[in-house]
Amino acid sequence: MSEQIQDPHRQQRLYWNEMVNLKADASYVRLYRDSQGRWVTWLGALKAIASSTGIAAWVVWREYAFVWGAIIAASQLADALKDVFPFVKKHKAASAHSMTLDNLFNDVQLEWENIFSGRYSDEEIMNRLHRLRKLQLDALQHNFPDGLAEHHRLLVQAKQIAETYFKSTYYGVNSTSGG
């Protein structure tokens, strides 16, 4: 049996990796929120247009009253069901979750500076990492009790956002300098 080599910075690496993942998760949720927001906006515009033009057209073209009445009824039905449409609920949940993760990430960055400077023992880092993971899970369960769907395109984009952020913030790479 070979002897295991102990990594003296294992806990720091684990915390760093979790911080990077948290940034990617926060970016993903923001992108997801924005994609859901487009659907919410589209539905709102559709309802407003259908309602306004339906009433106006009904007055002008009374011979098509059934068509315009159906448009108005559909608009009112969409308005009544706005909280039932999954993207409206998901947009609200993603908005809340995005703010939670952004706030958590701000706290984690401060904590990372203390970890990196060596102010915490491995046991303290391990406990802080456990607390961070628990806070993330609690936030997800609170905002998305049925889980959060994973969209590959958004996930790839979120990981790129996180990578760019960490390169420019922690590695001193200026995006305008090309390096």
Protein backbone atom coordinates (compact mmCIF):
# COMPACT_ATOMS: atom_id res chain seq x y z
CA MET A 1 0.00 0.00 0.00
CA SER A 2 1.48 3.35 -1.02
CA GLU A 3 1.83 6.16 1.43
CA GLN A 4 -0.60 9.03 0.89
CA ILE A 5 0.90 12.48 0.54
CA GLN A 6 -0.98 15.04 2.58
CA ASP A 7 -1.93 18.27 0.83
CA PRO A 8 -1.41 21.09 3.35
CA HIS A 9 -3.78 23.34 1.41
CA ARG A 10 -6.56 20.83 0.73
CA GLN A 11 -9.21 22.68 2.76
CA GLN A 12 -8.30 25.97 1.10
CA ARG A 13 -8.59 24.37 -2.35
CA LEU A 14 -11.96 22.87 -1.46
CA TYR A 15 -13.25 26.23 -0.26
CA TRP A 16 -11.87 27.98 -3.36
CA ASN A 17 -13.56 25.44 -5.65
CA GLU A 18 -16.84 25.90 -3.81
CA MET A 19 -16.53 29.68 -4.20
CA VAL A 20 -15.93 29.29 -7.94
CA ASN A 21 -18.94 26.97 -8.20
CA LEU A 22 -21.06 29.44 -6.23
CA LYS A 23 -20.16 32.23 -8.67
CA ALA A 24 -21.10 29.98 -11.60
CA ASP A 25 -24.36 29.02 -9.87
CA ALA A 26 -25.20 32.66 -9.19
CA SER A 27 -24.48 33.50 -12.83
CA TYR A 28 -26.57 30.55 -14.01
CA VAL A 29 -29.55 31.58 -11.90
CA ARG A 30 -29.27 35.17 -13.16
CA LEU A 31 -29.22 33.94 -16.78
CA TYR A 32 -32.12 31.58 -16.05
CA ARG A 33 -34.07 34.43 -14.42
CA ASP A 34 -33.48 36.61 -17.47
CA SER A 35 -34.64 33.87 -19.85
CA GLN A 36 -37.81 33.37 -17.80
CA GLY A 37 -38.26 37.14 -17.66
CA ARG A 38 -38.45 37.30 -21.44
CA TRP A 39 -41.39 34.87 -21.34
CA VAL A 40 -43.08 36.88 -18.58
CA THR A 41 -42.65 40.09 -20.58
CA TRP A 42 -43.93 38.42 -23.74
CA LEU A 43 -47.03 37.16 -21.92
CA GLY A 44 -47.70 40.59 -20.41
CA ALA A 45 -47.35 42.30 -23.78
CA LEU A 46 -49.60 39.71 -25.42
CA LYS A 47 -52.28 40.24 -22.77
CA ALA A 48 -52.11 44.01 -23.10
CA ILE A 49 -52.22 43.96 -26.89
CA ALA A 50 -55.01 41.38 -27.05
CA SER A 51 -57.11 43.22 -24.52
CA SER A 52 -56.64 46.70 -25.99
CA THR A 53 -56.92 45.80 -29.66
CA GLY A 54 -59.69 43.29 -29.01
CA ILE A 55 -61.94 45.90 -27.43
CA ALA A 56 -61.13 48.52 -30.08
CA ALA A 57 -61.65 46.11 -32.97
CA TRP A 58 -64.89 44.85 -31.49
CA VAL A 59 -66.28 48.37 -31.52
CA VAL A 60 -65.12 48.99 -35.12
CA TRP A 61 -65.94 45.61 -36.67
CA ARG A 62 -69.04 44.40 -34.89
CA GLU A 63 -69.66 41.66 -37.47
CA TYR A 64 -66.61 39.83 -36.06
CA ALA A 65 -67.74 40.22 -32.47
CA PHE A 66 -67.28 36.51 -31.76
CA VAL A 67 -63.59 36.62 -32.80
CA TRP A 68 -62.84 39.72 -30.77
CA GLY A 69 -64.79 38.39 -27.83
CA ALA A 70 -62.70 35.21 -27.92
CA ILE A 71 -59.49 37.27 -27.99
CA ILE A 72 -60.65 39.28 -24.98
CA ALA A 73 -61.68 36.11 -23.14
CA ALA A 74 -58.29 34.51 -23.87
CA SER A 75 -56.55 37.61 -22.58
CA GLN A 76 -58.58 37.55 -19.38
CA LEU A 77 -57.92 33.84 -18.97
CA ALA A 78 -54.16 34.40 -19.40
CA ASP A 79 -54.33 37.16 -16.78
CA ALA A 80 -56.24 34.93 -14.37
CA LEU A 81 -53.72 32.10 -14.86
CA LYS A 82 -50.56 34.25 -14.75
CA ASP A 83 -49.41 32.66 -11.49
CA VAL A 84 -50.12 29.18 -12.81
CA PHE A 85 -47.82 29.48 -15.83
CA PRO A 86 -44.57 27.85 -14.73
CA PHE A 87 -42.30 30.54 -16.14
CA VAL A 88 -43.96 33.24 -14.02
CA LYS A 89 -43.37 31.23 -10.84
CA LYS A 90 -39.89 30.26 -11.96
CA HIS A 91 -39.03 33.87 -12.73
CA LYS A 92 -40.07 34.95 -9.25
CA ALA A 93 -38.16 32.08 -7.65
CA ALA A 94 -35.07 32.75 -9.79
CA SER A 95 -35.16 36.45 -8.88
CA ALA A 96 -35.18 35.64 -5.16
CA HIS A 97 -32.58 32.90 -5.54
CA SER A 98 -30.30 35.15 -7.59
CA MET A 99 -30.28 37.80 -4.87
CA THR A 100 -29.64 35.16 -2.20
CA LEU A 101 -26.68 33.69 -4.09
CA ASP A 102 -25.22 37.11 -4.89
CA ASN A 103 -25.37 38.08 -1.21
CA LEU A 104 -23.88 34.75 -0.20
CA PHE A 105 -21.08 35.16 -2.75
CA ASN A 106 -20.21 38.58 -1.31
CA ASP A 107 -19.89 37.02 2.15
CA VAL A 108 -17.84 34.13 0.78
CA GLN A 109 -15.38 36.47 -0.90
CA LEU A 110 -14.68 38.17 2.41
CA GLU A 111 -14.33 34.83 4.11
CA TRP A 112 -11.95 33.65 1.37
CA GLU A 113 -9.60 36.54 2.09
CA ASN A 114 -9.37 35.37 5.70
CA ILE A 115 -8.86 31.77 4.61
CA PHE A 116 -6.21 32.67 2.05
CA SER A 117 -4.30 34.77 4.55
CA GLY A 118 -4.08 31.78 6.89
CA ARG A 119 -6.29 33.12 9.68
CA TYR A 120 -8.29 29.89 9.89
CA SER A 121 -7.22 26.38 10.74
CA ASP A 122 -8.14 23.47 8.48
CA GLU A 123 -10.93 22.54 10.87
CA GLU A 124 -12.35 26.08 10.78
CA ILE A 125 -12.20 26.10 6.98
CA MET A 126 -13.93 22.72 6.87
CA ASN A 127 -16.70 24.03 9.16
CA ARG A 128 -17.10 27.17 7.06
CA LEU A 129 -17.26 25.08 3.88
CA HIS A 130 -19.94 22.90 5.45
CA ARG A 131 -21.92 25.99 6.47
CA LEU A 132 -21.60 27.45 2.95
CA ARG A 133 -22.86 24.25 1.33
CA LYS A 134 -25.75 24.09 3.78
CA LEU A 135 -26.72 27.71 3.07
CA GLN A 136 -26.67 27.01 -0.66
CA LEU A 137 -28.85 23.94 -0.28
CA ASP A 138 -31.28 25.72 2.04
CA ALA A 139 -31.61 28.60 -0.43
CA LEU A 140 -32.23 26.22 -3.32
CA GLN A 141 -34.83 24.25 -1.36
CA HIS A 142 -36.54 27.46 -0.27
CA ASN A 143 -36.70 29.05 -3.72
CA PHE A 144 -37.01 25.91 -5.87
CA PRO A 145 -38.63 23.19 -3.75
CA ASP A 146 -39.10 21.05 -6.87
CA GLY A 147 -35.54 21.65 -8.07
CA LEU A 148 -33.99 23.93 -10.65
CA ALA A 149 -33.84 22.78 -14.25
CA GLU A 150 -30.44 22.66 -15.88
CA HIS A 151 -30.13 24.21 -19.34
CA HIS A 152 -26.81 23.29 -20.90
CA ARG A 153 -26.42 26.51 -22.91
CA LEU A 154 -26.99 28.68 -19.84
CA LEU A 155 -24.68 26.51 -17.75
CA VAL A 156 -21.83 26.86 -20.25
CA GLN A 157 -22.38 30.62 -20.37
CA ALA A 158 -22.47 30.85 -16.55
CA LYS A 159 -19.20 28.94 -16.20
CA GLN A 160 -17.60 31.32 -18.71
CA ILE A 161 -18.86 34.33 -16.74
CA ALA A 162 -17.41 32.86 -13.53
CA GLU A 163 -14.09 32.07 -15.20
CA THR A 164 -13.81 35.59 -16.59
CA TYR A 165 -14.69 37.06 -13.21
CA PHE A 166 -12.05 35.05 -11.34
CA LYS A 167 -9.39 35.74 -13.94
CA SER A 168 -9.96 39.47 -13.75
CA THR A 169 -10.48 39.64 -9.98
CA TYR A 170 -7.98 37.17 -8.56
CA TYR A 171 -5.42 36.68 -11.27
CA GLY A 172 -5.10 40.32 -12.32
CA VAL A 173 -5.99 39.67 -15.94
CA ASN A 174 -7.43 42.79 -17.46
CA SER A 175 -9.98 41.98 -20.16
CA THR A 176 -8.83 45.00 -22.18
CA SER A 177 -5.17 43.95 -22.14
CA GLY A 178 -5.90 40.62 -23.83
CA GLY A 179 -4.05 38.53 -21.34
